[in-house]
Amino acid sequence: MRWRLVLTASLICAAAGIVIWVITSRQVGYWLQVHTGTVNESGPYYGFWSGFGSDLTEFGIIGAIATAAYQLFKKYNCHEPGCWRVGSHPAAGGQFSLCYRHHPDYRGKKPTHELIERLHQEHLARQAVIHDKLYGVGHQHLTDEPTAANGASVPGPPTAQAPGRRDAE
């Protein structure tokens, strides 16, 4: 229903624009000729390149800035489809950035001090478990005796040998 209303309004505006164009075509046409520089002022297309044509690079720069702003906005936007809020809360191990309304820990409410404190304590507990596991693996790896599992011998300290002596006959 909404799309029909938008389409109808667009068609009415387009028809009104065409009617206004036809009524004032001479004035609008001349205005376009002057402002785009297609009127032969001092040579063919001189007016275009010194007028409207010189702005083409500015349009390109404005387009590049608009594209960069859009991409930057999409990077920090909430990953929930259709949400325009800034996603400042990581979810799923940092794969998604969600706003407080769509983050599963907040359930649509802004985070309270108690919730932040609980989530922080859970995070610290997870980090401690990971640290303990890594420490245990590293400590076990360092305390194990090196074995020749692949058939290679373990190098030992170098032994000093006396230089060979030739007896002169």
C-alpha atoms as a PDB file:
ATOM      1  CA  MET A   1       0.000   0.000   0.000  1.00  0.00           C
ATOM      2  CA  ARG A   2       2.832   2.382   0.856  1.00  0.00           C
ATOM      3  CA  TRP A   3       4.634   1.738  -2.442  1.00  0.00           C
ATOM      4  CA  ARG A   4       1.490   2.566  -4.387  1.00  0.00           C
ATOM      5  CA  LEU A   5       1.249   5.891  -2.595  1.00  0.00           C
ATOM      6  CA  VAL A   6       4.916   6.686  -3.293  1.00  0.00           C
ATOM      7  CA  LEU A   7       4.557   5.678  -6.951  1.00  0.00           C
ATOM      8  CA  THR A   8       1.407   7.785  -7.373  1.00  0.00           C
ATOM      9  CA  ALA A   9       3.048  10.830  -5.769  1.00  0.00           C
ATOM     10  CA  SER A  10       6.127  10.391  -7.988  1.00  0.00           C
ATOM     11  CA  LEU A  11       4.020  10.224 -11.142  1.00  0.00           C
ATOM     12  CA  ILE A  12       2.051  13.331 -10.145  1.00  0.00           C
ATOM     13  CA  CYS A  13       5.290  15.257  -9.499  1.00  0.00           C
ATOM     14  CA  ALA A  14       6.759  14.103 -12.824  1.00  0.00           C
ATOM     15  CA  ALA A  15       3.613  15.164 -14.704  1.00  0.00           C
ATOM     16  CA  ALA A  16       3.649  18.557 -12.975  1.00  0.00           C
ATOM     17  CA  GLY A  17       7.321  19.001 -13.891  1.00  0.00           C
ATOM     18  CA  ILE A  18       6.614  18.212 -17.545  1.00  0.00           C
ATOM     19  CA  VAL A  19       3.713  20.684 -17.618  1.00  0.00           C
ATOM     20  CA  ILE A  20       5.860  23.421 -16.067  1.00  0.00           C
ATOM     21  CA  TRP A  21       8.658  22.631 -18.548  1.00  0.00           C
ATOM     22  CA  VAL A  22       6.320  22.950 -21.512  1.00  0.00           C
ATOM     23  CA  ILE A  23       4.869  26.240 -20.253  1.00  0.00           C
ATOM     24  CA  THR A  24       8.260  27.832 -19.556  1.00  0.00           C
ATOM     25  CA  SER A  25      10.377  25.915 -22.073  1.00  0.00           C
ATOM     26  CA  ARG A  26      11.865  28.965 -23.724  1.00  0.00           C
ATOM     27  CA  GLN A  27      13.109  30.497 -20.483  1.00  0.00           C
ATOM     28  CA  VAL A  28      14.274  27.167 -19.036  1.00  0.00           C
ATOM     29  CA  GLY A  29      15.962  26.193 -22.301  1.00  0.00           C
ATOM     30  CA  TYR A  30      17.865  29.453 -22.496  1.00  0.00           C
ATOM     31  CA  TRP A  31      18.826  29.185 -18.815  1.00  0.00           C
ATOM     32  CA  LEU A  32      20.218  25.699 -19.453  1.00  0.00           C
ATOM     33  CA  GLN A  33      22.128  26.907 -22.511  1.00  0.00           C
ATOM     34  CA  VAL A  34      23.733  29.742 -20.595  1.00  0.00           C
ATOM     35  CA  HIS A  35      24.560  27.741 -17.473  1.00  0.00           C
ATOM     36  CA  THR A  36      25.916  24.700 -19.289  1.00  0.00           C
ATOM     37  CA  GLY A  37      27.915  26.905 -21.629  1.00  0.00           C
ATOM     38  CA  THR A  38      26.537  25.550 -24.893  1.00  0.00           C
ATOM     39  CA  VAL A  39      25.793  29.020 -26.252  1.00  0.00           C
ATOM     40  CA  ASN A  40      28.599  29.965 -28.625  1.00  0.00           C
ATOM     41  CA  GLU A  41      30.215  32.681 -26.525  1.00  0.00           C
ATOM     42  CA  SER A  42      33.747  32.980 -27.896  1.00  0.00           C
ATOM     43  CA  GLY A  43      34.086  29.693 -29.711  1.00  0.00           C
ATOM     44  CA  PRO A  44      32.556  26.238 -29.866  1.00  0.00           C
ATOM     45  CA  TYR A  45      32.310  24.642 -26.389  1.00  0.00           C
ATOM     46  CA  TYR A  46      34.551  27.241 -24.761  1.00  0.00           C
ATOM     47  CA  GLY A  47      31.662  28.269 -22.539  1.00  0.00           C
ATOM     48  CA  PHE A  48      31.068  24.649 -21.520  1.00  0.00           C
ATOM     49  CA  TRP A  49      34.654  23.900 -20.478  1.00  0.00           C
ATOM     50  CA  SER A  50      35.116  27.203 -18.705  1.00  0.00           C
ATOM     51  CA  GLY A  51      31.711  26.965 -17.035  1.00  0.00           C
ATOM     52  CA  PHE A  52      29.752  23.818 -16.327  1.00  0.00           C
ATOM     53  CA  GLY A  53      32.388  21.411 -17.668  1.00  0.00           C
ATOM     54  CA  SER A  54      34.989  22.666 -15.211  1.00  0.00           C
ATOM     55  CA  ASP A  55      32.768  21.438 -12.390  1.00  0.00           C
ATOM     56  CA  LEU A  56      32.876  17.803 -13.507  1.00  0.00           C
ATOM     57  CA  THR A  57      35.908  17.048 -11.321  1.00  0.00           C
ATOM     58  CA  GLU A  58      34.162  18.672  -8.370  1.00  0.00           C
ATOM     59  CA  PHE A  59      31.187  16.371  -8.929  1.00  0.00           C
ATOM     60  CA  GLY A  60      33.614  13.440  -8.952  1.00  0.00           C
ATOM     61  CA  ILE A  61      35.200  14.570  -5.682  1.00  0.00           C
ATOM     62  CA  ILE A  62      31.801  15.062  -4.061  1.00  0.00           C
ATOM     63  CA  GLY A  63      30.776  11.593  -5.274  1.00  0.00           C
ATOM     64  CA  ALA A  64      33.940  10.038  -3.830  1.00  0.00           C
ATOM     65  CA  ILE A  65      33.385  11.746  -0.475  1.00  0.00           C
ATOM     66  CA  ALA A  66      29.745  10.613  -0.420  1.00  0.00           C
ATOM     67  CA  THR A  67      30.795   7.038  -1.222  1.00  0.00           C
ATOM     68  CA  ALA A  68      33.432   7.082   1.530  1.00  0.00           C
ATOM     69  CA  ALA A  69      30.915   8.441   4.040  1.00  0.00           C
ATOM     70  CA  TYR A  70      28.415   5.730   3.075  1.00  0.00           C
ATOM     71  CA  GLN A  71      31.020   2.961   3.413  1.00  0.00           C
ATOM     72  CA  LEU A  72      32.172   4.326   6.770  1.00  0.00           C
ATOM     73  CA  PHE A  73      28.574   4.491   7.944  1.00  0.00           C
ATOM     74  CA  LYS A  74      27.937   0.904   6.844  1.00  0.00           C
ATOM     75  CA  LYS A  75      31.048  -0.265   8.716  1.00  0.00           C
ATOM     76  CA  TYR A  76      29.837   1.110  12.033  1.00  0.00           C
ATOM     77  CA  ASN A  77      26.136   0.528  11.409  1.00  0.00           C
ATOM     78  CA  CYS A  78      24.212  -2.112  13.386  1.00  0.00           C
ATOM     79  CA  HIS A  79      24.329  -5.416  11.493  1.00  0.00           C
ATOM     80  CA  GLU A  80      20.635  -6.076  12.095  1.00  0.00           C
ATOM     81  CA  PRO A  81      18.905  -5.655   8.717  1.00  0.00           C
ATOM     82  CA  GLY A  82      16.961  -2.401   8.561  1.00  0.00           C
ATOM     83  CA  CYS A  83      18.489  -0.877  11.709  1.00  0.00           C
ATOM     84  CA  TRP A  84      20.099   2.561  11.314  1.00  0.00           C
ATOM     85  CA  ARG A  85      21.673   2.757  14.772  1.00  0.00           C
ATOM     86  CA  VAL A  86      25.406   2.667  15.404  1.00  0.00           C
ATOM     87  CA  GLY A  87      26.493  -0.843  16.336  1.00  0.00           C
ATOM     88  CA  SER A  88      28.912  -0.338  19.209  1.00  0.00           C
ATOM     89  CA  HIS A  89      28.484  -3.699  20.956  1.00  0.00           C
ATOM     90  CA  PRO A  90      30.359  -6.704  19.503  1.00  0.00           C
ATOM     91  CA  ALA A  91      28.490  -9.985  19.249  1.00  0.00           C
ATOM     92  CA  ALA A  92      29.383 -13.540  18.196  1.00  0.00           C
ATOM     93  CA  GLY A  93      33.041 -13.144  19.072  1.00  0.00           C
ATOM     94  CA  GLY A  94      33.365  -9.810  17.288  1.00  0.00           C
ATOM     95  CA  GLN A  95      31.888 -10.945  13.960  1.00  0.00           C
ATOM     96  CA  PHE A  96      28.922  -8.599  14.300  1.00  0.00           C
ATOM     97  CA  SER A  97      28.496  -5.118  15.680  1.00  0.00           C
ATOM     98  CA  LEU A  98      25.030  -4.535  17.137  1.00  0.00           C
ATOM     99  CA  CYS A  99      23.181  -1.725  18.864  1.00  0.00           C
ATOM    100  CA  TYR A 100      21.815  -2.245  22.349  1.00  0.00           C
ATOM    101  CA  ARG A 101      18.323  -3.001  21.023  1.00  0.00           C
ATOM    102  CA  HIS A 102      19.466  -5.962  18.960  1.00  0.00           C
ATOM    103  CA  HIS A 103      22.306  -7.305  21.123  1.00  0.00           C
ATOM    104  CA  PRO A 104      21.221 -10.603  22.753  1.00  0.00           C
ATOM    105  CA  ASP A 105      22.765  -9.733  26.140  1.00  0.00           C
ATOM    106  CA  TYR A 106      20.837  -6.471  26.500  1.00  0.00           C
ATOM    107  CA  ARG A 107      17.406  -7.658  25.286  1.00  0.00           C
ATOM    108  CA  GLY A 108      16.383  -4.254  23.913  1.00  0.00           C
ATOM    109  CA  LYS A 109      17.267  -2.241  27.024  1.00  0.00           C
ATOM    110  CA  LYS A 110      20.267  -0.037  27.560  1.00  0.00           C
ATOM    111  CA  PRO A 111      22.935  -1.833  29.603  1.00  0.00           C
ATOM    112  CA  THR A 112      22.743  -1.163  33.322  1.00  0.00           C
ATOM    113  CA  HIS A 113      25.718  -0.981  35.656  1.00  0.00           C
ATOM    114  CA  GLU A 114      24.914  -4.419  37.085  1.00  0.00           C
ATOM    115  CA  LEU A 115      24.732  -5.983  33.615  1.00  0.00           C
ATOM    116  CA  ILE A 116      28.033  -4.406  32.582  1.00  0.00           C
ATOM    117  CA  GLU A 117      29.671  -5.637  35.777  1.00  0.00           C
ATOM    118  CA  ARG A 118      28.291  -9.186  35.338  1.00  0.00           C
ATOM    119  CA  LEU A 119      29.403  -9.372  31.706  1.00  0.00           C
ATOM    120  CA  HIS A 120      32.839  -8.051  32.681  1.00  0.00           C
ATOM    121  CA  GLN A 121      33.221 -10.716  35.393  1.00  0.00           C
ATOM    122  CA  GLU A 122      32.177 -13.423  32.915  1.00  0.00           C
ATOM    123  CA  HIS A 123      34.736 -12.118  30.439  1.00  0.00           C
ATOM    124  CA  LEU A 124      37.487 -12.142  33.075  1.00  0.00           C
ATOM    125  CA  ALA A 125      36.569 -15.708  34.063  1.00  0.00           C
ATOM    126  CA  ARG A 126      36.741 -16.871  30.427  1.00  0.00           C
ATOM    127  CA  GLN A 127      40.098 -15.146  29.965  1.00  0.00           C
ATOM    128  CA  ALA A 128      41.455 -16.773  33.148  1.00  0.00           C
ATOM    129  CA  VAL A 129      40.399 -20.231  31.932  1.00  0.00           C
ATOM    130  CA  ILE A 130      42.041 -19.644  28.559  1.00  0.00           C
ATOM    131  CA  HIS A 131      45.191 -18.337  30.259  1.00  0.00           C
ATOM    132  CA  ASP A 132      45.360 -21.353  32.589  1.00  0.00           C
ATOM    133  CA  LYS A 133      44.969 -23.773  29.676  1.00  0.00           C
ATOM    134  CA  LEU A 134      47.672 -22.035  27.667  1.00  0.00           C
ATOM    135  CA  TYR A 135      49.974 -21.907  30.700  1.00  0.00           C
ATOM    136  CA  GLY A 136      49.410 -25.619  31.356  1.00  0.00           C
ATOM    137  CA  VAL A 137      50.146 -26.570  27.763  1.00  0.00           C
ATOM    138  CA  GLY A 138      53.241 -24.358  27.628  1.00  0.00           C
ATOM    139  CA  HIS A 139      54.506 -25.557  31.021  1.00  0.00           C
ATOM    140  CA  GLN A 140      53.976 -29.205  30.059  1.00  0.00           C
ATOM    141  CA  HIS A 141      55.744 -28.641  26.753  1.00  0.00           C
ATOM    142  CA  LEU A 142      58.748 -27.065  28.487  1.00  0.00           C
ATOM    143  CA  THR A 143      59.083 -29.683  31.233  1.00  0.00           C
ATOM    144  CA  ASP A 144      58.831 -32.712  28.944  1.00  0.00           C
ATOM    145  CA  GLU A 145      62.147 -34.321  28.078  1.00  0.00           C
ATOM    146  CA  PRO A 146      62.991 -33.940  24.422  1.00  0.00           C
ATOM    147  CA  THR A 147      62.590 -37.248  22.684  1.00  0.00           C
ATOM    148  CA  ALA A 148      63.842 -38.444  19.372  1.00  0.00           C
ATOM    149  CA  ALA A 149      60.392 -39.178  17.999  1.00  0.00           C
ATOM    150  CA  ASN A 150      61.371 -38.703  14.408  1.00  0.00           C
ATOM    151  CA  GLY A 151      64.705 -40.495  14.648  1.00  0.00           C
ATOM    152  CA  ALA A 152      66.815 -37.389  15.073  1.00  0.00           C
ATOM    153  CA  SER A 153      69.317 -37.325  17.854  1.00  0.00           C
ATOM    154  CA  VAL A 154      69.382 -34.557  20.393  1.00  0.00           C
ATOM    155  CA  PRO A 155      72.520 -32.507  20.040  1.00  0.00           C
ATOM    156  CA  GLY A 156      74.766 -32.548  23.036  1.00  0.00           C
ATOM    157  CA  PRO A 157      77.549 -30.248  24.143  1.00  0.00           C
ATOM    158  CA  PRO A 158      80.495 -30.153  21.756  1.00  0.00           C
ATOM    159  CA  THR A 159      83.519 -32.165  22.806  1.00  0.00           C
ATOM    160  CA  ALA A 160      86.985 -30.719  22.474  1.00  0.00           C
ATOM    161  CA  GLN A 161      89.387 -32.911  20.552  1.00  0.00           C
ATOM    162  CA  ALA A 162      93.084 -32.500  20.594  1.00  0.00           C
ATOM    163  CA  PRO A 163      94.502 -31.649  17.231  1.00  0.00           C
ATOM    164  CA  GLY A 164      96.098 -34.624  15.507  1.00  0.00           C
ATOM    165  CA  ARG A 165      99.889 -34.813  15.690  1.00  0.00           C
ATOM    166  CA  ARG A 166     102.027 -36.185  12.921  1.00  0.00           C
ATOM    167  CA  ASP A 167     105.210 -37.822  13.882  1.00  0.00           C
ATOM    168  CA  ALA A 168     108.063 -36.792  11.729  1.00  0.00           C
ATOM    169  CA  GLU A 169     110.227 -39.694  10.561  1.00  0.00           C
END
